[in-house]
Amino acid sequence: MPALYSRILLTASLMLCASSSFIYAKDSPPSAQDTPKASAQNIVGGIAIKVNNDPITLYEIQSLSAKQHISKTKAQEILIANRLKDQEIKRLNIVADDMRLEQEMESIAAQNNLSYQQFIQALYQQGLTPESYKAKLKDQIQTRELMRNILLSADTASEETMRKYYDTHKNEFVTAEQVQTIRYSSKDPKLLERAIANTTLTLNGVEKTPEKLKLNMLNPQIAQMFAQLQNGEFSPILDAGNGSYVAFLVQEKSGDNTMSFEEAKGIIAQRLAQDHQEQILSEYFEKIKQKAHIEYVRQ
């Protein structure tokens, strides 16, 4: 099960070093409140740093330093970055409710070719409960949403830069007007994979429905996905919600449509942001760190 566990437990904490570069901790830093063995003295009397009045304890610093084999100074930097990250999540009201966590867990199970119950059993075999896994998953989702918000709000390119990208990559924005497909849908992603692997099979639980898609009616990113598929190719398996999964077999494309610069600007901005995401995130958190009130109570 360790290999399976390494695939399904996808947790990462957003960290910021003093040098403004990002690192990802192997495990979320343990908090004193979550550690039963932490004594009252560790929690109450052992505050080492305050980040906008949020405490970091000596116990947390020592534990993270020992666990990740890093210096106490580096552990302090990581924990300060985590507090700043958590404060930004709270300030921006980024939430992940139980319904979303359940949907995410169902999706992760499907990606690993497991039923939901098999997935839960895999967690128990690794000494995790669904509740503890949800807590880690919640942190991951909120961190991911925070990063996405930062990247999408970043002013990464001037109008001139985006126009230059558009003019030199115009072929990337040529799409068919419409695509004739066969929509494969199922509640079981494993059945869907079997149907995709052998299109001559007729499987109970897999529906095949002809569907014509007008690309200008789709989300630009989804339209781009279809634009890159050739006749006879399948789209990736997509989560359709409500426990259903779909994939599209492209049969025929018709018409040519070149996206205008205005239509393409959102895609261009996203691509340019992705190219510079480490710099964007680093600068964003460095500004927050400079504005934060960080008080070193004791070493």
C-alpha atoms as a PDB file:
ATOM      1  CA  MET A   1       0.000   0.000   0.000  1.00  0.00           C
ATOM      2  CA  PRO A   2       2.862   2.557   0.409  1.00  0.00           C
ATOM      3  CA  ALA A   3       2.957   3.230  -3.358  1.00  0.00           C
ATOM      4  CA  LEU A   4      -0.790   3.713  -3.414  1.00  0.00           C
ATOM      5  CA  TYR A   5      -0.607   5.971  -0.395  1.00  0.00           C
ATOM      6  CA  SER A   6       2.030   8.140  -2.017  1.00  0.00           C
ATOM      7  CA  ARG A   7      -0.318   8.663  -4.954  1.00  0.00           C
ATOM      8  CA  ILE A   8      -3.481   9.428  -3.028  1.00  0.00           C
ATOM      9  CA  LEU A   9      -2.135  11.540  -0.190  1.00  0.00           C
ATOM     10  CA  LEU A  10      -1.298  14.610  -2.244  1.00  0.00           C
ATOM     11  CA  THR A  11      -0.595  17.208   0.390  1.00  0.00           C
ATOM     12  CA  ALA A  12       1.709  20.177   0.089  1.00  0.00           C
ATOM     13  CA  SER A  13       2.143  23.323   2.119  1.00  0.00           C
ATOM     14  CA  LEU A  14       3.057  26.595   0.469  1.00  0.00           C
ATOM     15  CA  MET A  15       6.287  27.817   1.978  1.00  0.00           C
ATOM     16  CA  LEU A  16       8.275  31.016   1.640  1.00  0.00           C
ATOM     17  CA  CYS A  17      11.927  31.265   2.563  1.00  0.00           C
ATOM     18  CA  ALA A  18      13.596  34.457   3.679  1.00  0.00           C
ATOM     19  CA  SER A  19      15.246  34.673   0.271  1.00  0.00           C
ATOM     20  CA  SER A  20      11.742  34.900  -1.272  1.00  0.00           C
ATOM     21  CA  SER A  21      12.037  31.520  -2.989  1.00  0.00           C
ATOM     22  CA  PHE A  22       9.317  28.909  -2.450  1.00  0.00           C
ATOM     23  CA  ILE A  23       9.770  25.414  -1.096  1.00  0.00           C
ATOM     24  CA  TYR A  24       7.279  22.660  -0.453  1.00  0.00           C
ATOM     25  CA  ALA A  25       7.519  20.855   2.850  1.00  0.00           C
ATOM     26  CA  LYS A  26       7.380  17.070   2.759  1.00  0.00           C
ATOM     27  CA  ASP A  27       4.695  17.161   5.434  1.00  0.00           C
ATOM     28  CA  SER A  28       2.557  19.909   6.859  1.00  0.00           C
ATOM     29  CA  PRO A  29       4.345  21.303   9.918  1.00  0.00           C
ATOM     30  CA  PRO A  30       2.836  19.851  13.099  1.00  0.00           C
ATOM     31  CA  SER A  31       1.002  22.320  15.281  1.00  0.00           C
ATOM     32  CA  ALA A  32       1.197  22.117  19.028  1.00  0.00           C
ATOM     33  CA  GLN A  33      -2.579  22.024  19.226  1.00  0.00           C
ATOM     34  CA  ASP A  34      -2.710  18.915  17.037  1.00  0.00           C
ATOM     35  CA  THR A  35      -0.023  17.040  18.958  1.00  0.00           C
ATOM     36  CA  PRO A  36      -1.321  15.164  22.015  1.00  0.00           C
ATOM     37  CA  LYS A  37       2.131  14.835  23.569  1.00  0.00           C
ATOM     38  CA  ALA A  38       2.666  18.583  23.629  1.00  0.00           C
ATOM     39  CA  SER A  39       2.613  19.767  27.217  1.00  0.00           C
ATOM     40  CA  ALA A  40       0.741  22.812  28.476  1.00  0.00           C
ATOM     41  CA  GLN A  41       4.115  24.502  28.941  1.00  0.00           C
ATOM     42  CA  ASN A  42       4.983  23.886  25.272  1.00  0.00           C
ATOM     43  CA  ILE A  43       1.707  25.461  24.136  1.00  0.00           C
ATOM     44  CA  VAL A  44       1.244  28.321  26.589  1.00  0.00           C
ATOM     45  CA  GLY A  45       4.687  29.194  27.898  1.00  0.00           C
ATOM     46  CA  GLY A  46       6.762  28.389  24.841  1.00  0.00           C
ATOM     47  CA  ILE A  47       5.753  31.040  22.316  1.00  0.00           C
ATOM     48  CA  ALA A  48       8.791  31.879  20.199  1.00  0.00           C
ATOM     49  CA  ILE A  49       7.384  34.097  17.442  1.00  0.00           C
ATOM     50  CA  LYS A  50       4.183  36.027  16.808  1.00  0.00           C
ATOM     51  CA  VAL A  51       3.071  36.642  13.216  1.00  0.00           C
ATOM     52  CA  ASN A  52       0.363  39.307  13.314  1.00  0.00           C
ATOM     53  CA  ASN A  53      -0.341  37.961  16.830  1.00  0.00           C
ATOM     54  CA  ASP A  54      -0.611  34.341  15.615  1.00  0.00           C
ATOM     55  CA  PRO A  55       1.804  32.355  17.814  1.00  0.00           C
ATOM     56  CA  ILE A  56       4.532  29.953  16.741  1.00  0.00           C
ATOM     57  CA  THR A  57       5.812  27.826  19.608  1.00  0.00           C
ATOM     58  CA  LEU A  58       9.294  26.590  20.412  1.00  0.00           C
ATOM     59  CA  TYR A  59       7.843  23.084  20.236  1.00  0.00           C
ATOM     60  CA  GLU A  60       6.704  23.575  16.633  1.00  0.00           C
ATOM     61  CA  ILE A  61      10.110  24.900  15.588  1.00  0.00           C
ATOM     62  CA  GLN A  62      12.001  22.074  17.288  1.00  0.00           C
ATOM     63  CA  SER A  63       9.637  19.407  15.912  1.00  0.00           C
ATOM     64  CA  LEU A  64       9.828  20.651  12.319  1.00  0.00           C
ATOM     65  CA  SER A  65      13.598  21.051  12.525  1.00  0.00           C
ATOM     66  CA  ALA A  66      14.017  17.456  13.731  1.00  0.00           C
ATOM     67  CA  LYS A  67      11.438  15.980  11.360  1.00  0.00           C
ATOM     68  CA  GLN A  68      12.822  17.565   8.185  1.00  0.00           C
ATOM     69  CA  HIS A  69      16.487  17.671   9.258  1.00  0.00           C
ATOM     70  CA  ILE A  70      16.739  21.413   8.779  1.00  0.00           C
ATOM     71  CA  SER A  71      18.116  24.226  10.908  1.00  0.00           C
ATOM     72  CA  LYS A  72      15.897  25.964  13.424  1.00  0.00           C
ATOM     73  CA  THR A  73      16.263  29.159  11.388  1.00  0.00           C
ATOM     74  CA  LYS A  74      14.900  27.415   8.299  1.00  0.00           C
ATOM     75  CA  ALA A  75      12.089  25.890  10.370  1.00  0.00           C
ATOM     76  CA  GLN A  76      11.183  29.374  11.604  1.00  0.00           C
ATOM     77  CA  GLU A  77      11.050  30.675   8.014  1.00  0.00           C
ATOM     78  CA  ILE A  78       8.756  27.828   6.964  1.00  0.00           C
ATOM     79  CA  LEU A  79       6.408  28.286   9.916  1.00  0.00           C
ATOM     80  CA  ILE A  80       6.241  32.055   9.403  1.00  0.00           C
ATOM     81  CA  ALA A  81       5.398  31.465   5.732  1.00  0.00           C
ATOM     82  CA  ASN A  82       2.678  29.011   6.743  1.00  0.00           C
ATOM     83  CA  ARG A  83       1.126  31.531   9.131  1.00  0.00           C
ATOM     84  CA  LEU A  84       1.138  34.187   6.400  1.00  0.00           C
ATOM     85  CA  LYS A  85      -0.432  31.725   3.984  1.00  0.00           C
ATOM     86  CA  ASP A  86      -3.162  30.778   6.470  1.00  0.00           C
ATOM     87  CA  GLN A  87      -3.870  34.440   7.176  1.00  0.00           C
ATOM     88  CA  GLU A  88      -4.256  35.176   3.450  1.00  0.00           C
ATOM     89  CA  ILE A  89      -6.643  32.234   3.062  1.00  0.00           C
ATOM     90  CA  LYS A  90      -8.737  33.630   5.909  1.00  0.00           C
ATOM     91  CA  ARG A  91      -8.589  37.209   4.592  1.00  0.00           C
ATOM     92  CA  LEU A  92      -9.723  36.140   1.113  1.00  0.00           C
ATOM     93  CA  ASN A  93     -12.424  33.867   2.591  1.00  0.00           C
ATOM     94  CA  ILE A  94     -11.213  30.797   0.698  1.00  0.00           C
ATOM     95  CA  VAL A  95     -13.297  27.887   1.973  1.00  0.00           C
ATOM     96  CA  ALA A  96     -13.508  24.180   1.229  1.00  0.00           C
ATOM     97  CA  ASP A  97     -16.754  22.767   2.623  1.00  0.00           C
ATOM     98  CA  ASP A  98     -17.567  19.115   3.309  1.00  0.00           C
ATOM     99  CA  MET A  99     -19.361  18.661  -0.008  1.00  0.00           C
ATOM    100  CA  ARG A 100     -16.312  19.797  -1.957  1.00  0.00           C
ATOM    101  CA  LEU A 101     -14.004  17.605   0.128  1.00  0.00           C
ATOM    102  CA  GLU A 102     -16.214  14.571  -0.553  1.00  0.00           C
ATOM    103  CA  GLN A 103     -16.217  15.329  -4.287  1.00  0.00           C
ATOM    104  CA  GLU A 104     -12.444  15.738  -4.296  1.00  0.00           C
ATOM    105  CA  MET A 105     -11.985  12.426  -2.486  1.00  0.00           C
ATOM    106  CA  GLU A 106     -14.275  10.685  -4.977  1.00  0.00           C
ATOM    107  CA  SER A 107     -12.236  12.169  -7.813  1.00  0.00           C
ATOM    108  CA  ILE A 108      -8.918  11.068  -6.259  1.00  0.00           C
ATOM    109  CA  ALA A 109     -10.328   7.568  -5.753  1.00  0.00           C
ATOM    110  CA  ALA A 110     -11.399   7.427  -9.409  1.00  0.00           C
ATOM    111  CA  GLN A 111      -7.972   8.603 -10.588  1.00  0.00           C
ATOM    112  CA  ASN A 112      -6.447   5.681  -8.699  1.00  0.00           C
ATOM    113  CA  ASN A 113      -8.988   3.189 -10.106  1.00  0.00           C
ATOM    114  CA  LEU A 114     -10.600   2.706  -6.705  1.00  0.00           C
ATOM    115  CA  SER A 115     -14.176   2.812  -5.541  1.00  0.00           C
ATOM    116  CA  TYR A 116     -14.856   5.296  -2.766  1.00  0.00           C
ATOM    117  CA  GLN A 117     -15.043   2.490  -0.191  1.00  0.00           C
ATOM    118  CA  GLN A 118     -11.745   1.004  -1.415  1.00  0.00           C
ATOM    119  CA  PHE A 119     -10.200   4.439  -1.087  1.00  0.00           C
ATOM    120  CA  ILE A 120     -11.401   4.764   2.517  1.00  0.00           C
ATOM    121  CA  GLN A 121     -10.022   1.299   3.300  1.00  0.00           C
ATOM    122  CA  ALA A 122      -6.662   2.347   1.833  1.00  0.00           C
ATOM    123  CA  LEU A 123      -6.629   5.314   4.197  1.00  0.00           C
ATOM    124  CA  TYR A 124      -7.365   3.121   7.220  1.00  0.00           C
ATOM    125  CA  GLN A 125      -4.567   0.743   6.208  1.00  0.00           C
ATOM    126  CA  GLN A 126      -2.201   3.701   6.344  1.00  0.00           C
ATOM    127  CA  GLY A 127      -3.403   4.670   9.816  1.00  0.00           C
ATOM    128  CA  LEU A 128      -5.542   7.568   8.606  1.00  0.00           C
ATOM    129  CA  THR A 129      -9.186   8.296   9.234  1.00  0.00           C
ATOM    130  CA  PRO A 130     -11.387  10.029   6.643  1.00  0.00           C
ATOM    131  CA  GLU A 131     -11.517  13.016   9.002  1.00  0.00           C
ATOM    132  CA  SER A 132      -7.734  13.380   9.271  1.00  0.00           C
ATOM    133  CA  TYR A 133      -7.372  12.989   5.514  1.00  0.00           C
ATOM    134  CA  LYS A 134     -10.054  15.630   4.922  1.00  0.00           C
ATOM    135  CA  ALA A 135      -8.133  18.049   7.139  1.00  0.00           C
ATOM    136  CA  LYS A 136      -5.009  17.620   5.009  1.00  0.00           C
ATOM    137  CA  LEU A 137      -7.033  17.789   1.812  1.00  0.00           C
ATOM    138  CA  LYS A 138      -8.755  20.975   2.966  1.00  0.00           C
ATOM    139  CA  ASP A 139      -5.396  22.649   3.490  1.00  0.00           C
ATOM    140  CA  GLN A 140      -4.241  21.485   0.054  1.00  0.00           C
ATOM    141  CA  ILE A 141      -7.369  22.792  -1.701  1.00  0.00           C
ATOM    142  CA  GLN A 142      -7.259  26.149   0.068  1.00  0.00           C
ATOM    143  CA  THR A 143      -3.561  26.540  -0.731  1.00  0.00           C
ATOM    144  CA  ARG A 144      -4.198  25.655  -4.372  1.00  0.00           C
ATOM    145  CA  GLU A 145      -7.045  28.184  -4.584  1.00  0.00           C
ATOM    146  CA  LEU A 146      -4.895  30.857  -2.966  1.00  0.00           C
ATOM    147  CA  MET A 147      -2.124  30.293  -5.504  1.00  0.00           C
ATOM    148  CA  ARG A 148      -4.652  30.380  -8.331  1.00  0.00           C
ATOM    149  CA  ASN A 149      -6.121  33.658  -7.072  1.00  0.00           C
ATOM    150  CA  ILE A 150      -2.672  35.216  -6.832  1.00  0.00           C
ATOM    151  CA  LEU A 151      -1.692  34.132 -10.341  1.00  0.00           C
ATOM    152  CA  LEU A 152      -4.958  35.209 -11.950  1.00  0.00           C
ATOM    153  CA  SER A 153      -4.876  38.622 -10.279  1.00  0.00           C
ATOM    154  CA  ALA A 154      -1.242  39.269 -11.168  1.00  0.00           C
ATOM    155  CA  ASP A 155      -0.541  41.944 -13.750  1.00  0.00           C
ATOM    156  CA  THR A 156       1.911  39.746 -15.635  1.00  0.00           C
ATOM    157  CA  ALA A 157       1.860  41.332 -19.035  1.00  0.00           C
ATOM    158  CA  SER A 158       1.166  44.593 -20.735  1.00  0.00           C
ATOM    159  CA  GLU A 159      -1.252  44.874 -23.631  1.00  0.00           C
ATOM    160  CA  GLU A 160       1.755  45.144 -25.944  1.00  0.00           C
ATOM    161  CA  THR A 161       3.315  41.913 -24.617  1.00  0.00           C
ATOM    162  CA  MET A 162       0.043  40.000 -24.966  1.00  0.00           C
ATOM    163  CA  ARG A 163      -0.476  41.354 -28.478  1.00  0.00           C
ATOM    164  CA  LYS A 164       3.037  40.235 -29.458  1.00  0.00           C
ATOM    165  CA  TYR A 165       2.339  36.748 -28.087  1.00  0.00           C
ATOM    166  CA  TYR A 166      -0.935  36.590 -30.002  1.00  0.00           C
ATOM    167  CA  ASP A 167       0.642  37.704 -33.290  1.00  0.00           C
ATOM    168  CA  THR A 168       3.520  35.205 -33.044  1.00  0.00           C
ATOM    169  CA  HIS A 169       1.378  32.252 -31.858  1.00  0.00           C
ATOM    170  CA  LYS A 170      -1.774  32.860 -33.865  1.00  0.00           C
ATOM    171  CA  ASN A 171      -1.974  29.208 -34.921  1.00  0.00           C
ATOM    172  CA  GLU A 172      -2.622  28.325 -31.262  1.00  0.00           C
ATOM    173  CA  PHE A 173      -5.876  30.243 -31.410  1.00  0.00           C
ATOM    174  CA  VAL A 174      -7.323  28.650 -34.537  1.00  0.00           C
ATOM    175  CA  THR A 175     -10.107  26.244 -33.642  1.00  0.00           C
ATOM    176  CA  ALA A 176     -12.819  24.373 -35.458  1.00  0.00           C
ATOM    177  CA  GLU A 177     -16.234  25.969 -35.308  1.00  0.00           C
ATOM    178  CA  GLN A 178     -17.836  22.731 -34.197  1.00  0.00           C
ATOM    179  CA  VAL A 179     -16.854  19.177 -33.342  1.00  0.00           C
ATOM    180  CA  GLN A 180     -18.918  16.047 -33.876  1.00  0.00           C
ATOM    181  CA  THR A 181     -18.275  13.674 -30.980  1.00  0.00           C
ATOM    182  CA  ILE A 182     -19.530  10.584 -29.258  1.00  0.00           C
ATOM    183  CA  ARG A 183     -20.032  11.260 -25.582  1.00  0.00           C
ATOM    184  CA  TYR A 184     -19.079   8.296 -23.357  1.00  0.00           C
ATOM    185  CA  SER A 185     -20.532   8.577 -19.853  1.00  0.00           C
ATOM    186  CA  SER A 186     -20.509   6.315 -16.821  1.00  0.00           C
ATOM    187  CA  LYS A 187     -20.673   6.315 -13.036  1.00  0.00           C
ATOM    188  CA  ASP A 188     -17.649   3.999 -13.006  1.00  0.00           C
ATOM    189  CA  PRO A 189     -14.399   5.467 -14.400  1.00  0.00           C
ATOM    190  CA  LYS A 190     -12.876   1.978 -14.706  1.00  0.00           C
ATOM    191  CA  LEU A 191     -15.698   0.926 -17.029  1.00  0.00           C
ATOM    192  CA  LEU A 192     -15.153   4.126 -18.977  1.00  0.00           C
ATOM    193  CA  GLU A 193     -11.461   3.308 -19.384  1.00  0.00           C
ATOM    194  CA  ARG A 194     -12.356  -0.158 -20.710  1.00  0.00           C
ATOM    195  CA  ALA A 195     -14.809   1.331 -23.199  1.00  0.00           C
ATOM    196  CA  ILE A 196     -12.190   3.822 -24.394  1.00  0.00           C
ATOM    197  CA  ALA A 197      -9.562   1.097 -24.764  1.00  0.00           C
ATOM    198  CA  ASN A 198     -11.885  -0.957 -26.994  1.00  0.00           C
ATOM    199  CA  THR A 199     -14.577   1.083 -28.722  1.00  0.00           C
ATOM    200  CA  THR A 200     -16.207  -2.056 -30.157  1.00  0.00           C
ATOM    201  CA  LEU A 201     -17.221  -3.201 -26.672  1.00  0.00           C
ATOM    202  CA  THR A 202     -20.748  -2.661 -25.424  1.00  0.00           C
ATOM    203  CA  LEU A 203     -20.623  -2.400 -21.655  1.00  0.00           C
ATOM    204  CA  ASN A 204     -23.503  -2.130 -19.224  1.00  0.00           C
ATOM    205  CA  GLY A 205     -23.057   1.103 -17.327  1.00  0.00           C
ATOM    206  CA  VAL A 206     -21.478   3.017 -20.224  1.00  0.00           C
ATOM    207  CA  GLU A 207     -23.678   5.224 -22.379  1.00  0.00           C
ATOM    208  CA  LYS A 208     -22.621   6.394 -25.843  1.00  0.00           C
ATOM    209  CA  THR A 209     -24.419   9.430 -27.219  1.00  0.00           C
ATOM    210  CA  PRO A 210     -23.671  11.425 -30.404  1.00  0.00           C
ATOM    211  CA  GLU A 211     -23.128  15.067 -29.531  1.00  0.00           C
ATOM    212  CA  LYS A 212     -22.215  18.097 -31.635  1.00  0.00           C
ATOM    213  CA  LEU A 213     -20.286  20.768 -29.775  1.00  0.00           C
ATOM    214  CA  LYS A 214     -20.040  24.403 -30.819  1.00  0.00           C
ATOM    215  CA  LEU A 215     -16.667  25.467 -29.510  1.00  0.00           C
ATOM    216  CA  ASN A 216     -17.536  29.142 -29.190  1.00  0.00           C
ATOM    217  CA  MET A 217     -20.136  28.116 -26.607  1.00  0.00           C
ATOM    218  CA  LEU A 218     -17.572  26.336 -24.411  1.00  0.00           C
ATOM    219  CA  ASN A 219     -15.161  27.557 -21.770  1.00  0.00           C
ATOM    220  CA  PRO A 220     -12.028  28.789 -23.666  1.00  0.00           C
ATOM    221  CA  GLN A 221      -9.767  26.246 -21.935  1.00  0.00           C
ATOM    222  CA  ILE A 222     -12.126  23.368 -22.824  1.00  0.00           C
ATOM    223  CA  ALA A 223     -12.389  24.681 -26.389  1.00  0.00           C
ATOM    224  CA  GLN A 224      -8.587  24.683 -26.589  1.00  0.00           C
ATOM    225  CA  MET A 225      -8.525  21.066 -25.425  1.00  0.00           C
ATOM    226  CA  PHE A 226     -10.865  20.040 -28.250  1.00  0.00           C
ATOM    227  CA  ALA A 227      -8.853  22.132 -30.712  1.00  0.00           C
ATOM    228  CA  GLN A 228      -5.751  20.073 -29.923  1.00  0.00           C
ATOM    229  CA  LEU A 229      -7.485  16.698 -30.338  1.00  0.00           C
ATOM    230  CA  GLN A 230      -7.364  14.966 -33.715  1.00  0.00           C
ATOM    231  CA  ASN A 231     -10.147  12.955 -35.318  1.00  0.00           C
ATOM    232  CA  GLY A 232     -10.320   9.540 -33.649  1.00  0.00           C
ATOM    233  CA  GLU A 233      -8.808  10.760 -30.373  1.00  0.00           C
ATOM    234  CA  PHE A 234     -10.460  10.790 -26.964  1.00  0.00           C
ATOM    235  CA  SER A 235     -10.534  13.666 -24.551  1.00  0.00           C
ATOM    236  CA  PRO A 236      -9.278  12.965 -21.022  1.00  0.00           C
ATOM    237  CA  ILE A 237     -11.872  11.514 -18.664  1.00  0.00           C
ATOM    238  CA  LEU A 238     -13.642  14.475 -17.082  1.00  0.00           C
ATOM    239  CA  ASP A 239     -15.593  14.710 -13.843  1.00  0.00           C
ATOM    240  CA  ALA A 240     -19.145  15.652 -14.862  1.00  0.00           C
ATOM    241  CA  GLY A 241     -20.348  16.014 -11.273  1.00  0.00           C
ATOM    242  CA  ASN A 242     -22.918  13.993  -9.346  1.00  0.00           C
ATOM    243  CA  GLY A 243     -20.640  10.957  -9.468  1.00  0.00           C
ATOM    244  CA  SER A 244     -20.590  10.809 -13.280  1.00  0.00           C
ATOM    245  CA  TYR A 245     -17.594  10.775 -15.613  1.00  0.00           C
ATOM    246  CA  VAL A 246     -17.427  11.565 -19.318  1.00  0.00           C
ATOM    247  CA  ALA A 247     -15.025  11.352 -22.233  1.00  0.00           C
ATOM    248  CA  PHE A 248     -15.514  12.534 -25.801  1.00  0.00           C
ATOM    249  CA  LEU A 249     -14.440  10.697 -28.944  1.00  0.00           C
ATOM    250  CA  VAL A 250     -13.743  13.255 -31.667  1.00  0.00           C
ATOM    251  CA  GLN A 251     -15.229  12.113 -34.970  1.00  0.00           C
ATOM    252  CA  GLU A 252     -15.074  15.161 -37.192  1.00  0.00           C
ATOM    253  CA  LYS A 253     -14.236  18.843 -37.022  1.00  0.00           C
ATOM    254  CA  SER A 254     -15.764  21.407 -39.305  1.00  0.00           C
ATOM    255  CA  GLY A 255     -15.130  25.059 -40.025  1.00  0.00           C
ATOM    256  CA  ASP A 256     -12.217  27.240 -38.941  1.00  0.00           C
ATOM    257  CA  ASN A 257     -12.499  29.921 -36.349  1.00  0.00           C
ATOM    258  CA  THR A 258      -9.638  32.158 -35.278  1.00  0.00           C
ATOM    259  CA  MET A 259     -10.142  33.617 -31.846  1.00  0.00           C
ATOM    260  CA  SER A 260      -9.884  37.383 -31.784  1.00  0.00           C
ATOM    261  CA  PHE A 261      -7.226  39.015 -29.649  1.00  0.00           C
ATOM    262  CA  GLU A 262      -9.892  40.075 -27.146  1.00  0.00           C
ATOM    263  CA  GLU A 263     -11.192  36.487 -26.914  1.00  0.00           C
ATOM    264  CA  ALA A 264      -7.657  35.132 -26.507  1.00  0.00           C
ATOM    265  CA  LYS A 265      -6.443  37.638 -23.898  1.00  0.00           C
ATOM    266  CA  GLY A 266      -7.571  35.537 -20.934  1.00  0.00           C
ATOM    267  CA  ILE A 267      -5.736  32.455 -22.226  1.00  0.00           C
ATOM    268  CA  ILE A 268      -2.612  34.488 -23.043  1.00  0.00           C
ATOM    269  CA  ALA A 269      -2.548  36.091 -19.588  1.00  0.00           C
ATOM    270  CA  GLN A 270      -2.887  32.669 -17.950  1.00  0.00           C
ATOM    271  CA  ARG A 271      -0.031  31.208 -20.010  1.00  0.00           C
ATOM    272  CA  LEU A 272       2.247  34.135 -19.265  1.00  0.00           C
ATOM    273  CA  ALA A 273       1.384  33.873 -15.568  1.00  0.00           C
ATOM    274  CA  GLN A 274       2.237  30.161 -15.565  1.00  0.00           C
ATOM    275  CA  ASP A 275       5.601  30.936 -17.153  1.00  0.00           C
ATOM    276  CA  HIS A 276       6.421  33.317 -14.296  1.00  0.00           C
ATOM    277  CA  GLN A 277       4.453  31.762 -11.447  1.00  0.00           C
ATOM    278  CA  GLU A 278       7.365  31.200  -9.067  1.00  0.00           C
ATOM    279  CA  GLN A 279       8.422  34.834  -9.373  1.00  0.00           C
ATOM    280  CA  ILE A 280       4.831  36.069  -8.979  1.00  0.00           C
ATOM    281  CA  LEU A 281       4.162  33.993  -5.858  1.00  0.00           C
ATOM    282  CA  SER A 282       7.522  34.866  -4.369  1.00  0.00           C
ATOM    283  CA  GLU A 283       7.030  38.610  -4.832  1.00  0.00           C
ATOM    284  CA  TYR A 284       3.450  38.456  -3.524  1.00  0.00           C
ATOM    285  CA  PHE A 285       4.419  36.782  -0.256  1.00  0.00           C
ATOM    286  CA  GLU A 286       7.520  38.903   0.182  1.00  0.00           C
ATOM    287  CA  LYS A 287       5.295  42.020   0.114  1.00  0.00           C
ATOM    288  CA  ILE A 288       2.991  40.460   2.707  1.00  0.00           C
ATOM    289  CA  LYS A 289       5.946  39.490   4.861  1.00  0.00           C
ATOM    290  CA  GLN A 290       7.337  43.029   4.743  1.00  0.00           C
ATOM    291  CA  LYS A 291       3.977  44.422   5.914  1.00  0.00           C
ATOM    292  CA  ALA A 292       3.435  41.776   8.604  1.00  0.00           C
ATOM    293  CA  HIS A 293       4.159  42.412  12.276  1.00  0.00           C
ATOM    294  CA  ILE A 294       6.599  39.632  13.176  1.00  0.00           C
ATOM    295  CA  GLU A 295       7.696  39.622  16.798  1.00  0.00           C
ATOM    296  CA  TYR A 296      10.492  37.324  18.002  1.00  0.00           C
ATOM    297  CA  VAL A 297       9.569  36.609  21.629  1.00  0.00           C
ATOM    298  CA  ARG A 298      12.346  34.143  22.459  1.00  0.00           C
ATOM    299  CA  GLN A 299      14.874  31.953  20.683  1.00  0.00           C
END
